[in-house]
Amino acid sequence: MFQYLLAFAGIIGIFARKVTWLARINDGFAKKDNKFAEKSPC
């Protein structure tokens, strides 16, 4: 039973790490888009 809990916690940890990594990449792209928007005359 304890092994199942450890495995479940590990999967959640990996998933959370991937989610934060994706959020960081999206944040970076958003900042780049903002910079381009500021530079463009439109």
PDB file of N, CA and C in Angstrom:
ATOM      1  N   MET A   1       0.842  -1.203   0.000  1.00  0.00           N
ATOM      2  CA  MET A   1       0.000   0.000   0.000  1.00  0.00           C
ATOM      3  C   MET A   1       0.879   1.257   0.000  1.00  0.00           C
ATOM      4  N   PHE A   2       1.918   1.250   0.859  1.00  0.00           N
ATOM      5  CA  PHE A   2       2.795   2.415   0.967  1.00  0.00           C
ATOM      6  C   PHE A   2       3.527   2.666  -0.359  1.00  0.00           C
ATOM      7  N   GLN A   3       3.898   1.576  -1.040  1.00  0.00           N
ATOM      8  CA  GLN A   3       4.592   1.714  -2.330  1.00  0.00           C
ATOM      9  C   GLN A   3       3.694   2.403  -3.354  1.00  0.00           C
ATOM     10  N   TYR A   4       2.394   2.081  -3.334  1.00  0.00           N
ATOM     11  CA  TYR A   4       1.460   2.715  -4.262  1.00  0.00           C
ATOM     12  C   TYR A   4       1.386   4.222  -3.995  1.00  0.00           C
ATOM     13  N   LEU A   5       1.350   4.594  -2.712  1.00  0.00           N
ATOM     14  CA  LEU A   5       1.292   6.017  -2.356  1.00  0.00           C
ATOM     15  C   LEU A   5       2.555   6.737  -2.832  1.00  0.00           C
ATOM     16  N   LEU A   6       3.724   6.107  -2.641  1.00  0.00           N
ATOM     17  CA  LEU A   6       4.986   6.714  -3.083  1.00  0.00           C
ATOM     18  C   LEU A   6       4.986   6.888  -4.603  1.00  0.00           C
ATOM     19  N   ALA A   7       4.564   5.864  -5.325  1.00  0.00           N
ATOM     20  CA  ALA A   7       4.525   5.945  -6.789  1.00  0.00           C
ATOM     21  C   ALA A   7       3.558   7.039  -7.231  1.00  0.00           C
ATOM     22  N   PHE A   8       2.411   7.131  -6.579  1.00  0.00           N
ATOM     23  CA  PHE A   8       1.405   8.143  -6.911  1.00  0.00           C
ATOM     24  C   PHE A   8       1.962   9.535  -6.657  1.00  0.00           C
ATOM     25  N   ALA A   9       2.633   9.714  -5.517  1.00  0.00           N
ATOM     26  CA  ALA A   9       3.230  11.015  -5.188  1.00  0.00           C
ATOM     27  C   ALA A   9       4.313  11.374  -6.210  1.00  0.00           C
ATOM     28  N   GLY A  10       5.094  10.392  -6.644  1.00  0.00           N
ATOM     29  CA  GLY A  10       6.133  10.643  -7.648  1.00  0.00           C
ATOM     30  C   GLY A  10       5.536  11.093  -8.974  1.00  0.00           C
ATOM     31  N   ILE A  11       4.442  10.425  -9.399  1.00  0.00           N
ATOM     32  CA  ILE A  11       3.777  10.794 -10.657  1.00  0.00           C
ATOM     33  C   ILE A  11       3.232  12.216 -10.560  1.00  0.00           C
ATOM     34  N   ILE A  12       2.620  12.542  -9.431  1.00  0.00           N
ATOM     35  CA  ILE A  12       2.087  13.899  -9.236  1.00  0.00           C
ATOM     36  C   ILE A  12       3.231  14.918  -9.275  1.00  0.00           C
ATOM     37  N   GLY A  13       4.362  14.580  -8.644  1.00  0.00           N
ATOM     38  CA  GLY A  13       5.513  15.484  -8.635  1.00  0.00           C
ATOM     39  C   GLY A  13       6.042  15.748 -10.039  1.00  0.00           C
ATOM     40  N   ILE A  14       6.167  14.682 -10.845  1.00  0.00           N
ATOM     41  CA  ILE A  14       6.645  14.825 -12.224  1.00  0.00           C
ATOM     42  C   ILE A  14       5.656  15.664 -13.028  1.00  0.00           C
ATOM     43  N   PHE A  15       4.364  15.391 -12.851  1.00  0.00           N
ATOM     44  CA  PHE A  15       3.327  16.130 -13.580  1.00  0.00           C
ATOM     45  C   PHE A  15       3.355  17.605 -13.200  1.00  0.00           C
ATOM     46  N   ALA A  16       3.471  17.881 -11.895  1.00  0.00           N
ATOM     47  CA  ALA A  16       3.516  19.272 -11.422  1.00  0.00           C
ATOM     48  C   ALA A  16       4.743  19.981 -11.990  1.00  0.00           C
ATOM     49  N   ARG A  17       5.869  19.275 -12.053  1.00  0.00           N
ATOM     50  CA  ARG A  17       7.094  19.867 -12.588  1.00  0.00           C
ATOM     51  C   ARG A  17       6.909  20.210 -14.060  1.00  0.00           C
ATOM     52  N   LYS A  18       6.255  19.310 -14.824  1.00  0.00           N
ATOM     53  CA  LYS A  18       6.004  19.558 -16.248  1.00  0.00           C
ATOM     54  C   LYS A  18       5.067  20.753 -16.417  1.00  0.00           C
ATOM     55  N   VAL A  19       4.046  20.827 -15.574  1.00  0.00           N
ATOM     56  CA  VAL A  19       3.087  21.935 -15.663  1.00  0.00           C
ATOM     57  C   VAL A  19       3.790  23.265 -15.402  1.00  0.00           C
ATOM     58  N   THR A  20       4.632  23.323 -14.365  1.00  0.00           N
ATOM     59  CA  THR A  20       5.331  24.576 -14.051  1.00  0.00           C
ATOM     60  C   THR A  20       6.311  24.913 -15.166  1.00  0.00           C
ATOM     61  N   TRP A  21       6.953  23.880 -15.754  1.00  0.00           N
ATOM     62  CA  TRP A  21       7.887  24.099 -16.866  1.00  0.00           C
ATOM     63  C   TRP A  21       7.138  24.687 -18.065  1.00  0.00           C
ATOM     64  N   LEU A  22       5.972  24.128 -18.379  1.00  0.00           N
ATOM     65  CA  LEU A  22       5.157  24.638 -19.495  1.00  0.00           C
ATOM     66  C   LEU A  22       4.697  26.062 -19.208  1.00  0.00           C
ATOM     67  N   ALA A  23       4.279  26.314 -17.971  1.00  0.00           N
ATOM     68  CA  ALA A  23       3.840  27.662 -17.604  1.00  0.00           C
ATOM     69  C   ALA A  23       4.982  28.658 -17.764  1.00  0.00           C
ATOM     70  N   ARG A  24       6.197  28.247 -17.410  1.00  0.00           N
ATOM     71  CA  ARG A  24       7.361  29.127 -17.535  1.00  0.00           C
ATOM     72  C   ARG A  24       7.622  29.439 -19.009  1.00  0.00           C
ATOM     73  N   ILE A  25       7.507  28.424 -19.879  1.00  0.00           N
ATOM     74  CA  ILE A  25       7.718  28.626 -21.321  1.00  0.00           C
ATOM     75  C   ILE A  25       6.634  29.557 -21.871  1.00  0.00           C
ATOM     76  N   ASN A  26       5.375  29.326 -21.492  1.00  0.00           N
ATOM     77  CA  ASN A  26       4.284  30.185 -21.955  1.00  0.00           C
ATOM     78  C   ASN A  26       4.496  31.618 -21.493  1.00  0.00           C
ATOM     79  N   ASP A  27       4.969  31.792 -20.267  1.00  0.00           N
ATOM     80  CA  ASP A  27       5.250  33.125 -19.730  1.00  0.00           C
ATOM     81  C   ASP A  27       6.336  33.792 -20.568  1.00  0.00           C
ATOM     82  N   GLY A  28       7.368  33.029 -20.933  1.00  0.00           N
ATOM     83  CA  GLY A  28       8.444  33.570 -21.765  1.00  0.00           C
ATOM     84  C   GLY A  28       7.926  34.007 -23.128  1.00  0.00           C
ATOM     85  N   PHE A  29       7.064  33.180 -23.742  1.00  0.00           N
ATOM     86  CA  PHE A  29       6.494  33.530 -25.041  1.00  0.00           C
ATOM     87  C   PHE A  29       5.616  34.775 -24.921  1.00  0.00           C
ATOM     88  N   ALA A  30       4.854  34.874 -23.852  1.00  0.00           N
ATOM     89  CA  ALA A  30       3.987  36.035 -23.640  1.00  0.00           C
ATOM     90  C   ALA A  30       4.826  37.303 -23.540  1.00  0.00           C
ATOM     91  N   LYS A  31       5.957  37.217 -22.829  1.00  0.00           N
ATOM     92  CA  LYS A  31       6.833  38.384 -22.702  1.00  0.00           C
ATOM     93  C   LYS A  31       7.411  38.767 -24.056  1.00  0.00           C
ATOM     94  N   LYS A  32       7.796  37.761 -24.870  1.00  0.00           N
ATOM     95  CA  LYS A  32       8.320  38.034 -26.206  1.00  0.00           C
ATOM     96  C   LYS A  32       7.243  38.705 -27.059  1.00  0.00           C
ATOM     97  N   ASP A  33       5.999  38.193 -26.993  1.00  0.00           N
ATOM     98  CA  ASP A  33       4.894  38.777 -27.765  1.00  0.00           C
ATOM     99  C   ASP A  33       4.674  40.225 -27.354  1.00  0.00           C
ATOM    100  N   ASN A  34       4.750  40.510 -26.062  1.00  0.00           N
ATOM    101  CA  ASN A  34       4.567  41.877 -25.583  1.00  0.00           C
ATOM    102  C   ASN A  34       5.657  42.793 -26.143  1.00  0.00           C
ATOM    103  N   LYS A  35       6.893  42.292 -26.183  1.00  0.00           N
ATOM    104  CA  LYS A  35       7.995  43.091 -26.717  1.00  0.00           C
ATOM    105  C   LYS A  35       7.750  43.389 -28.191  1.00  0.00           C
ATOM    106  N   PHE A  36       7.318  42.380 -28.957  1.00  0.00           N
ATOM    107  CA  PHE A  36       7.037  42.575 -30.381  1.00  0.00           C
ATOM    108  C   PHE A  36       5.878  43.551 -30.567  1.00  0.00           C
ATOM    109  N   ALA A  37       4.873  43.434 -29.723  1.00  0.00           N
ATOM    110  CA  ALA A  37       3.710  44.317 -29.815  1.00  0.00           C
ATOM    111  C   ALA A  37       4.119  45.768 -29.557  1.00  0.00           C
ATOM    112  N   GLU A  38       5.035  45.959 -28.608  1.00  0.00           N
ATOM    113  CA  GLU A  38       5.496  47.325 -28.308  1.00  0.00           C
ATOM    114  C   GLU A  38       6.298  47.896 -29.483  1.00  0.00           C
ATOM    115  N   LYS A  39       7.095  47.038 -30.145  1.00  0.00           N
ATOM    116  CA  LYS A  39       7.933  47.512 -31.247  1.00  0.00           C
ATOM    117  C   LYS A  39       7.114  47.780 -32.512  1.00  0.00           C
ATOM    118  N   SER A  40       6.095  46.965 -32.761  1.00  0.00           N
ATOM    119  CA  SER A  40       5.336  47.114 -34.004  1.00  0.00           C
ATOM    120  C   SER A  40       4.488  48.392 -33.979  1.00  0.00           C
ATOM    121  N   PRO A  41       4.373  49.111 -35.115  1.00  0.00           N
ATOM    122  CA  PRO A  41       3.633  50.376 -35.149  1.00  0.00           C
ATOM    123  C   PRO A  41       2.115  50.202 -35.057  1.00  0.00           C
ATOM    124  N   CYS A  42       1.611  48.997 -35.345  1.00  0.00           N
ATOM    125  CA  CYS A  42       0.159  48.791 -35.365  1.00  0.00           C
ATOM    126  C   CYS A  42      -0.471  49.068 -34.000  1.00  0.00           C
TER     127      CYS A  42
END
